[in-house]
Amino acid sequence: MKKAIVFLAEGFEEVEALTVVDVLRRGGVEVTTMSITEDPYVDGAHGIEVLADADNEYEIDDADMIVLPGGMPGASNLRASAVVCDGVLSFVKAGKLVGAICAAPFVLGELGVLNGRKATCYPGFEDKLQGAAYTATRVQRDGNIITGNGPSSALPFALALLAAITDDDTAQQVADGMLV
């Protein structure tokens, strides 16, 4: 079974994180939500408290994908996390899947993993996608990196992640079941 980690930081965009968790689980992916702190309770940007499955000491190396939801200050908190930054660099180097949506692609840009790649993000964060070719699309895949532009793209972003970690047929079956 494929495994994914969805990082949760204080101020994360709830629809972006939870849509990804829901869609991936519908597609048979084992998803672990991971607080980037020792506190398993994480408050989203809109006051929704989520109990994460794991804390910042959870071992992520056996996962096939990591996902960074956006939201502010959630994305800034992800950038400040050594666990997240080390994970992104390790996954990109290993050719594993990395997803980031909304403001969170700026983390990838600042870490230098978007150099020469296409990427999208929330409007206003384009200049933070260091080295990337900004596409302004809802969802952009370039190799093992998938980016999304914001809350309205949470579902297409999640389906793109599902297709990448499983296959197009699985993603289409989940989309059909959700009446997408």
Protein backbone atom coordinates (compact mmCIF):
# COMPACT_ATOMS: atom_id res chain seq x y z
CA MET A 1 0.00 0.00 0.00
CA LYS A 2 1.27 3.47 -0.91
CA LYS A 3 1.89 5.89 1.97
CA ALA A 4 1.58 9.66 2.21
CA ILE A 5 2.32 12.21 4.92
CA VAL A 6 0.31 15.45 5.13
CA PHE A 7 2.10 17.99 7.31
CA LEU A 8 -0.07 20.13 9.60
CA ALA A 9 1.27 23.45 10.89
CA GLU A 10 -0.54 26.05 12.96
CA GLY A 11 -2.54 28.16 10.52
CA PHE A 12 -2.83 25.54 7.75
CA GLU A 13 -5.61 25.89 5.17
CA GLU A 14 -8.12 23.28 6.30
CA VAL A 15 -9.78 22.60 2.94
CA GLU A 16 -6.42 21.98 1.28
CA ALA A 17 -5.18 19.55 3.93
CA LEU A 18 -8.37 17.62 4.58
CA THR A 19 -9.41 17.32 0.94
CA VAL A 20 -6.04 15.72 0.20
CA VAL A 21 -6.42 13.31 3.14
CA ASP A 22 -9.96 12.38 2.09
CA VAL A 23 -9.19 11.81 -1.61
CA LEU A 24 -6.01 9.85 -0.99
CA ARG A 25 -7.73 7.59 1.53
CA ARG A 26 -10.62 7.00 -0.87
CA GLY A 27 -7.98 5.87 -3.37
CA GLY A 28 -6.50 3.34 -0.96
CA VAL A 29 -3.47 5.36 0.12
CA GLU A 30 -2.38 5.10 3.76
CA VAL A 31 -2.32 8.74 4.87
CA THR A 32 -0.79 10.03 8.08
CA THR A 33 -1.47 13.58 9.17
CA MET A 34 1.59 14.84 11.00
CA SER A 35 1.80 17.79 13.36
CA ILE A 36 5.10 19.58 12.89
CA THR A 37 5.29 20.10 16.66
CA GLU A 38 4.99 17.81 19.67
CA ASP A 39 1.35 18.88 20.11
CA PRO A 40 -0.99 16.55 18.18
CA TYR A 41 -3.72 19.23 18.10
CA VAL A 42 -3.23 21.72 15.28
CA ASP A 43 -5.37 24.80 14.66
CA GLY A 44 -6.14 25.63 11.06
CA ALA A 45 -6.31 29.12 9.59
CA HIS A 46 -10.07 29.24 10.13
CA GLY A 47 -10.20 27.95 13.68
CA ILE A 48 -10.76 24.27 12.97
CA GLU A 49 -8.73 22.17 15.38
CA VAL A 50 -7.48 18.89 13.96
CA LEU A 51 -6.04 15.97 15.90
CA ALA A 52 -3.04 14.81 13.86
CA ASP A 53 -2.24 11.12 13.56
CA ALA A 54 1.42 11.71 14.49
CA ASP A 55 3.75 14.35 15.87
CA ASN A 56 7.05 15.75 14.61
CA GLU A 57 8.96 12.65 15.73
CA TYR A 58 7.13 10.38 13.29
CA GLU A 59 9.42 8.60 10.83
CA ILE A 60 8.58 9.79 7.30
CA ASP A 61 11.25 7.97 5.29
CA ASP A 62 9.04 5.01 4.36
CA ALA A 63 6.36 7.27 2.85
CA ASP A 64 6.00 7.61 -0.92
CA MET A 65 4.74 11.20 -0.82
CA ILE A 66 4.73 14.26 1.41
CA VAL A 67 2.21 17.09 1.10
CA LEU A 68 2.43 20.69 2.30
CA PRO A 69 -0.96 22.41 2.64
CA GLY A 70 -0.99 26.17 2.29
CA GLY A 71 -2.62 28.84 4.38
CA MET A 72 -0.99 31.54 6.41
CA PRO A 73 0.73 31.44 8.75
CA GLY A 74 0.71 27.69 8.08
CA ALA A 75 3.08 27.85 5.11
CA SER A 76 5.51 30.06 7.02
CA ASN A 77 5.41 27.61 9.91
CA LEU A 78 6.17 24.76 7.51
CA ARG A 79 9.18 26.71 6.21
CA ALA A 80 10.44 27.17 9.79
CA SER A 81 10.27 23.41 10.47
CA ALA A 82 13.49 21.44 10.07
CA VAL A 83 11.43 18.24 9.82
CA VAL A 84 9.53 19.63 6.83
CA CYS A 85 12.53 21.18 5.09
CA ASP A 86 14.71 18.11 5.58
CA GLY A 87 11.85 15.94 4.38
CA VAL A 88 11.31 17.98 1.23
CA LEU A 89 15.00 17.92 0.34
CA SER A 90 15.26 14.19 1.04
CA PHE A 91 12.14 13.31 -0.96
CA VAL A 92 13.12 15.44 -3.96
CA LYS A 93 16.63 13.94 -3.98
CA ALA A 94 15.18 10.41 -3.81
CA GLY A 95 12.70 11.13 -6.62
CA LYS A 96 9.73 10.70 -4.29
CA LEU A 97 6.55 12.73 -4.71
CA VAL A 98 6.21 16.16 -3.10
CA GLY A 99 2.99 18.17 -3.20
CA ALA A 100 2.47 21.79 -2.12
CA ILE A 101 -0.55 24.04 -2.57
CA CYS A 102 -1.50 27.69 -2.14
CA ALA A 103 1.27 29.56 -0.29
CA ALA A 104 3.24 26.38 0.49
CA PRO A 105 5.08 26.15 -2.87
CA PHE A 106 7.18 29.06 -1.63
CA VAL A 107 8.80 26.59 0.78
CA LEU A 108 9.92 24.54 -2.23
CA GLY A 109 11.19 27.67 -3.94
CA GLU A 110 13.21 28.80 -0.94
CA LEU A 111 14.71 25.32 -0.63
CA GLY A 112 15.87 25.51 -4.25
CA VAL A 113 13.96 22.45 -5.46
CA LEU A 114 11.95 24.33 -8.10
CA ASN A 115 14.97 25.38 -10.17
CA GLY A 116 14.13 24.81 -13.82
CA ARG A 117 10.67 23.42 -13.02
CA LYS A 118 7.15 24.60 -13.69
CA ALA A 119 5.10 25.47 -10.62
CA THR A 120 2.00 27.33 -9.53
CA CYS A 121 0.93 28.96 -6.26
CA TYR A 122 -1.50 31.38 -4.67
CA PRO A 123 -1.47 34.75 -6.45
CA GLY A 124 1.03 37.08 -4.79
CA PHE A 125 3.54 34.35 -3.99
CA GLU A 126 4.91 34.02 -7.54
CA ASP A 127 8.12 35.89 -6.72
CA LYS A 128 8.84 33.38 -3.96
CA LEU A 129 9.00 30.42 -6.38
CA GLN A 130 12.74 30.87 -6.76
CA GLY A 131 14.03 29.32 -9.96
CA ALA A 132 10.61 28.13 -11.15
CA ALA A 133 8.68 28.91 -14.30
CA TYR A 134 5.37 30.16 -12.85
CA THR A 135 2.42 28.76 -14.82
CA ALA A 136 -0.67 30.30 -13.10
CA THR A 137 -2.52 27.00 -13.61
CA ARG A 138 -4.76 25.43 -10.96
CA VAL A 139 -2.51 22.36 -10.69
CA GLN A 140 0.97 21.89 -12.10
CA ARG A 141 3.01 18.70 -12.18
CA ASP A 142 6.66 18.75 -13.10
CA GLY A 143 8.27 15.37 -12.51
CA ASN A 144 7.90 14.39 -8.88
CA ILE A 145 6.67 17.84 -7.74
CA ILE A 146 2.99 18.77 -7.85
CA THR A 147 1.79 22.26 -6.96
CA GLY A 148 -1.66 23.80 -6.65
CA ASN A 149 -2.80 27.40 -6.63
CA GLY A 150 -5.24 27.60 -3.72
CA PRO A 151 -8.37 26.50 -1.89
CA SER A 152 -10.60 26.29 -4.97
CA SER A 153 -8.11 23.84 -6.48
CA ALA A 154 -7.97 21.53 -3.46
CA LEU A 155 -9.98 18.79 -5.19
CA PRO A 156 -8.15 18.81 -8.54
CA PHE A 157 -4.85 19.01 -6.63
CA ALA A 158 -5.81 16.01 -4.47
CA LEU A 159 -6.85 14.02 -7.54
CA ALA A 160 -3.54 14.85 -9.25
CA LEU A 161 -1.69 13.63 -6.14
CA LEU A 162 -3.76 10.44 -6.17
CA ALA A 163 -3.02 9.82 -9.85
CA ALA A 164 0.69 10.37 -9.21
CA ILE A 165 0.93 8.01 -6.24
CA THR A 166 -1.37 5.31 -7.70
CA ASP A 167 -2.50 5.65 -11.32
CA ASP A 168 -4.90 7.57 -13.54
CA ASP A 169 -7.60 4.87 -13.34
CA THR A 170 -7.72 4.99 -9.53
CA ALA A 171 -7.93 8.78 -9.57
CA GLN A 172 -10.72 8.64 -12.17
CA GLN A 173 -12.67 6.07 -10.13
CA VAL A 174 -12.43 8.28 -7.04
CA ALA A 175 -13.42 11.35 -9.08
CA ASP A 176 -16.41 9.49 -10.55
CA GLY A 177 -17.49 8.32 -7.08
CA MET A 178 -17.33 11.95 -5.89
CA LEU A 179 -19.32 13.13 -8.95
CA VAL A 180 -16.43 15.25 -10.17
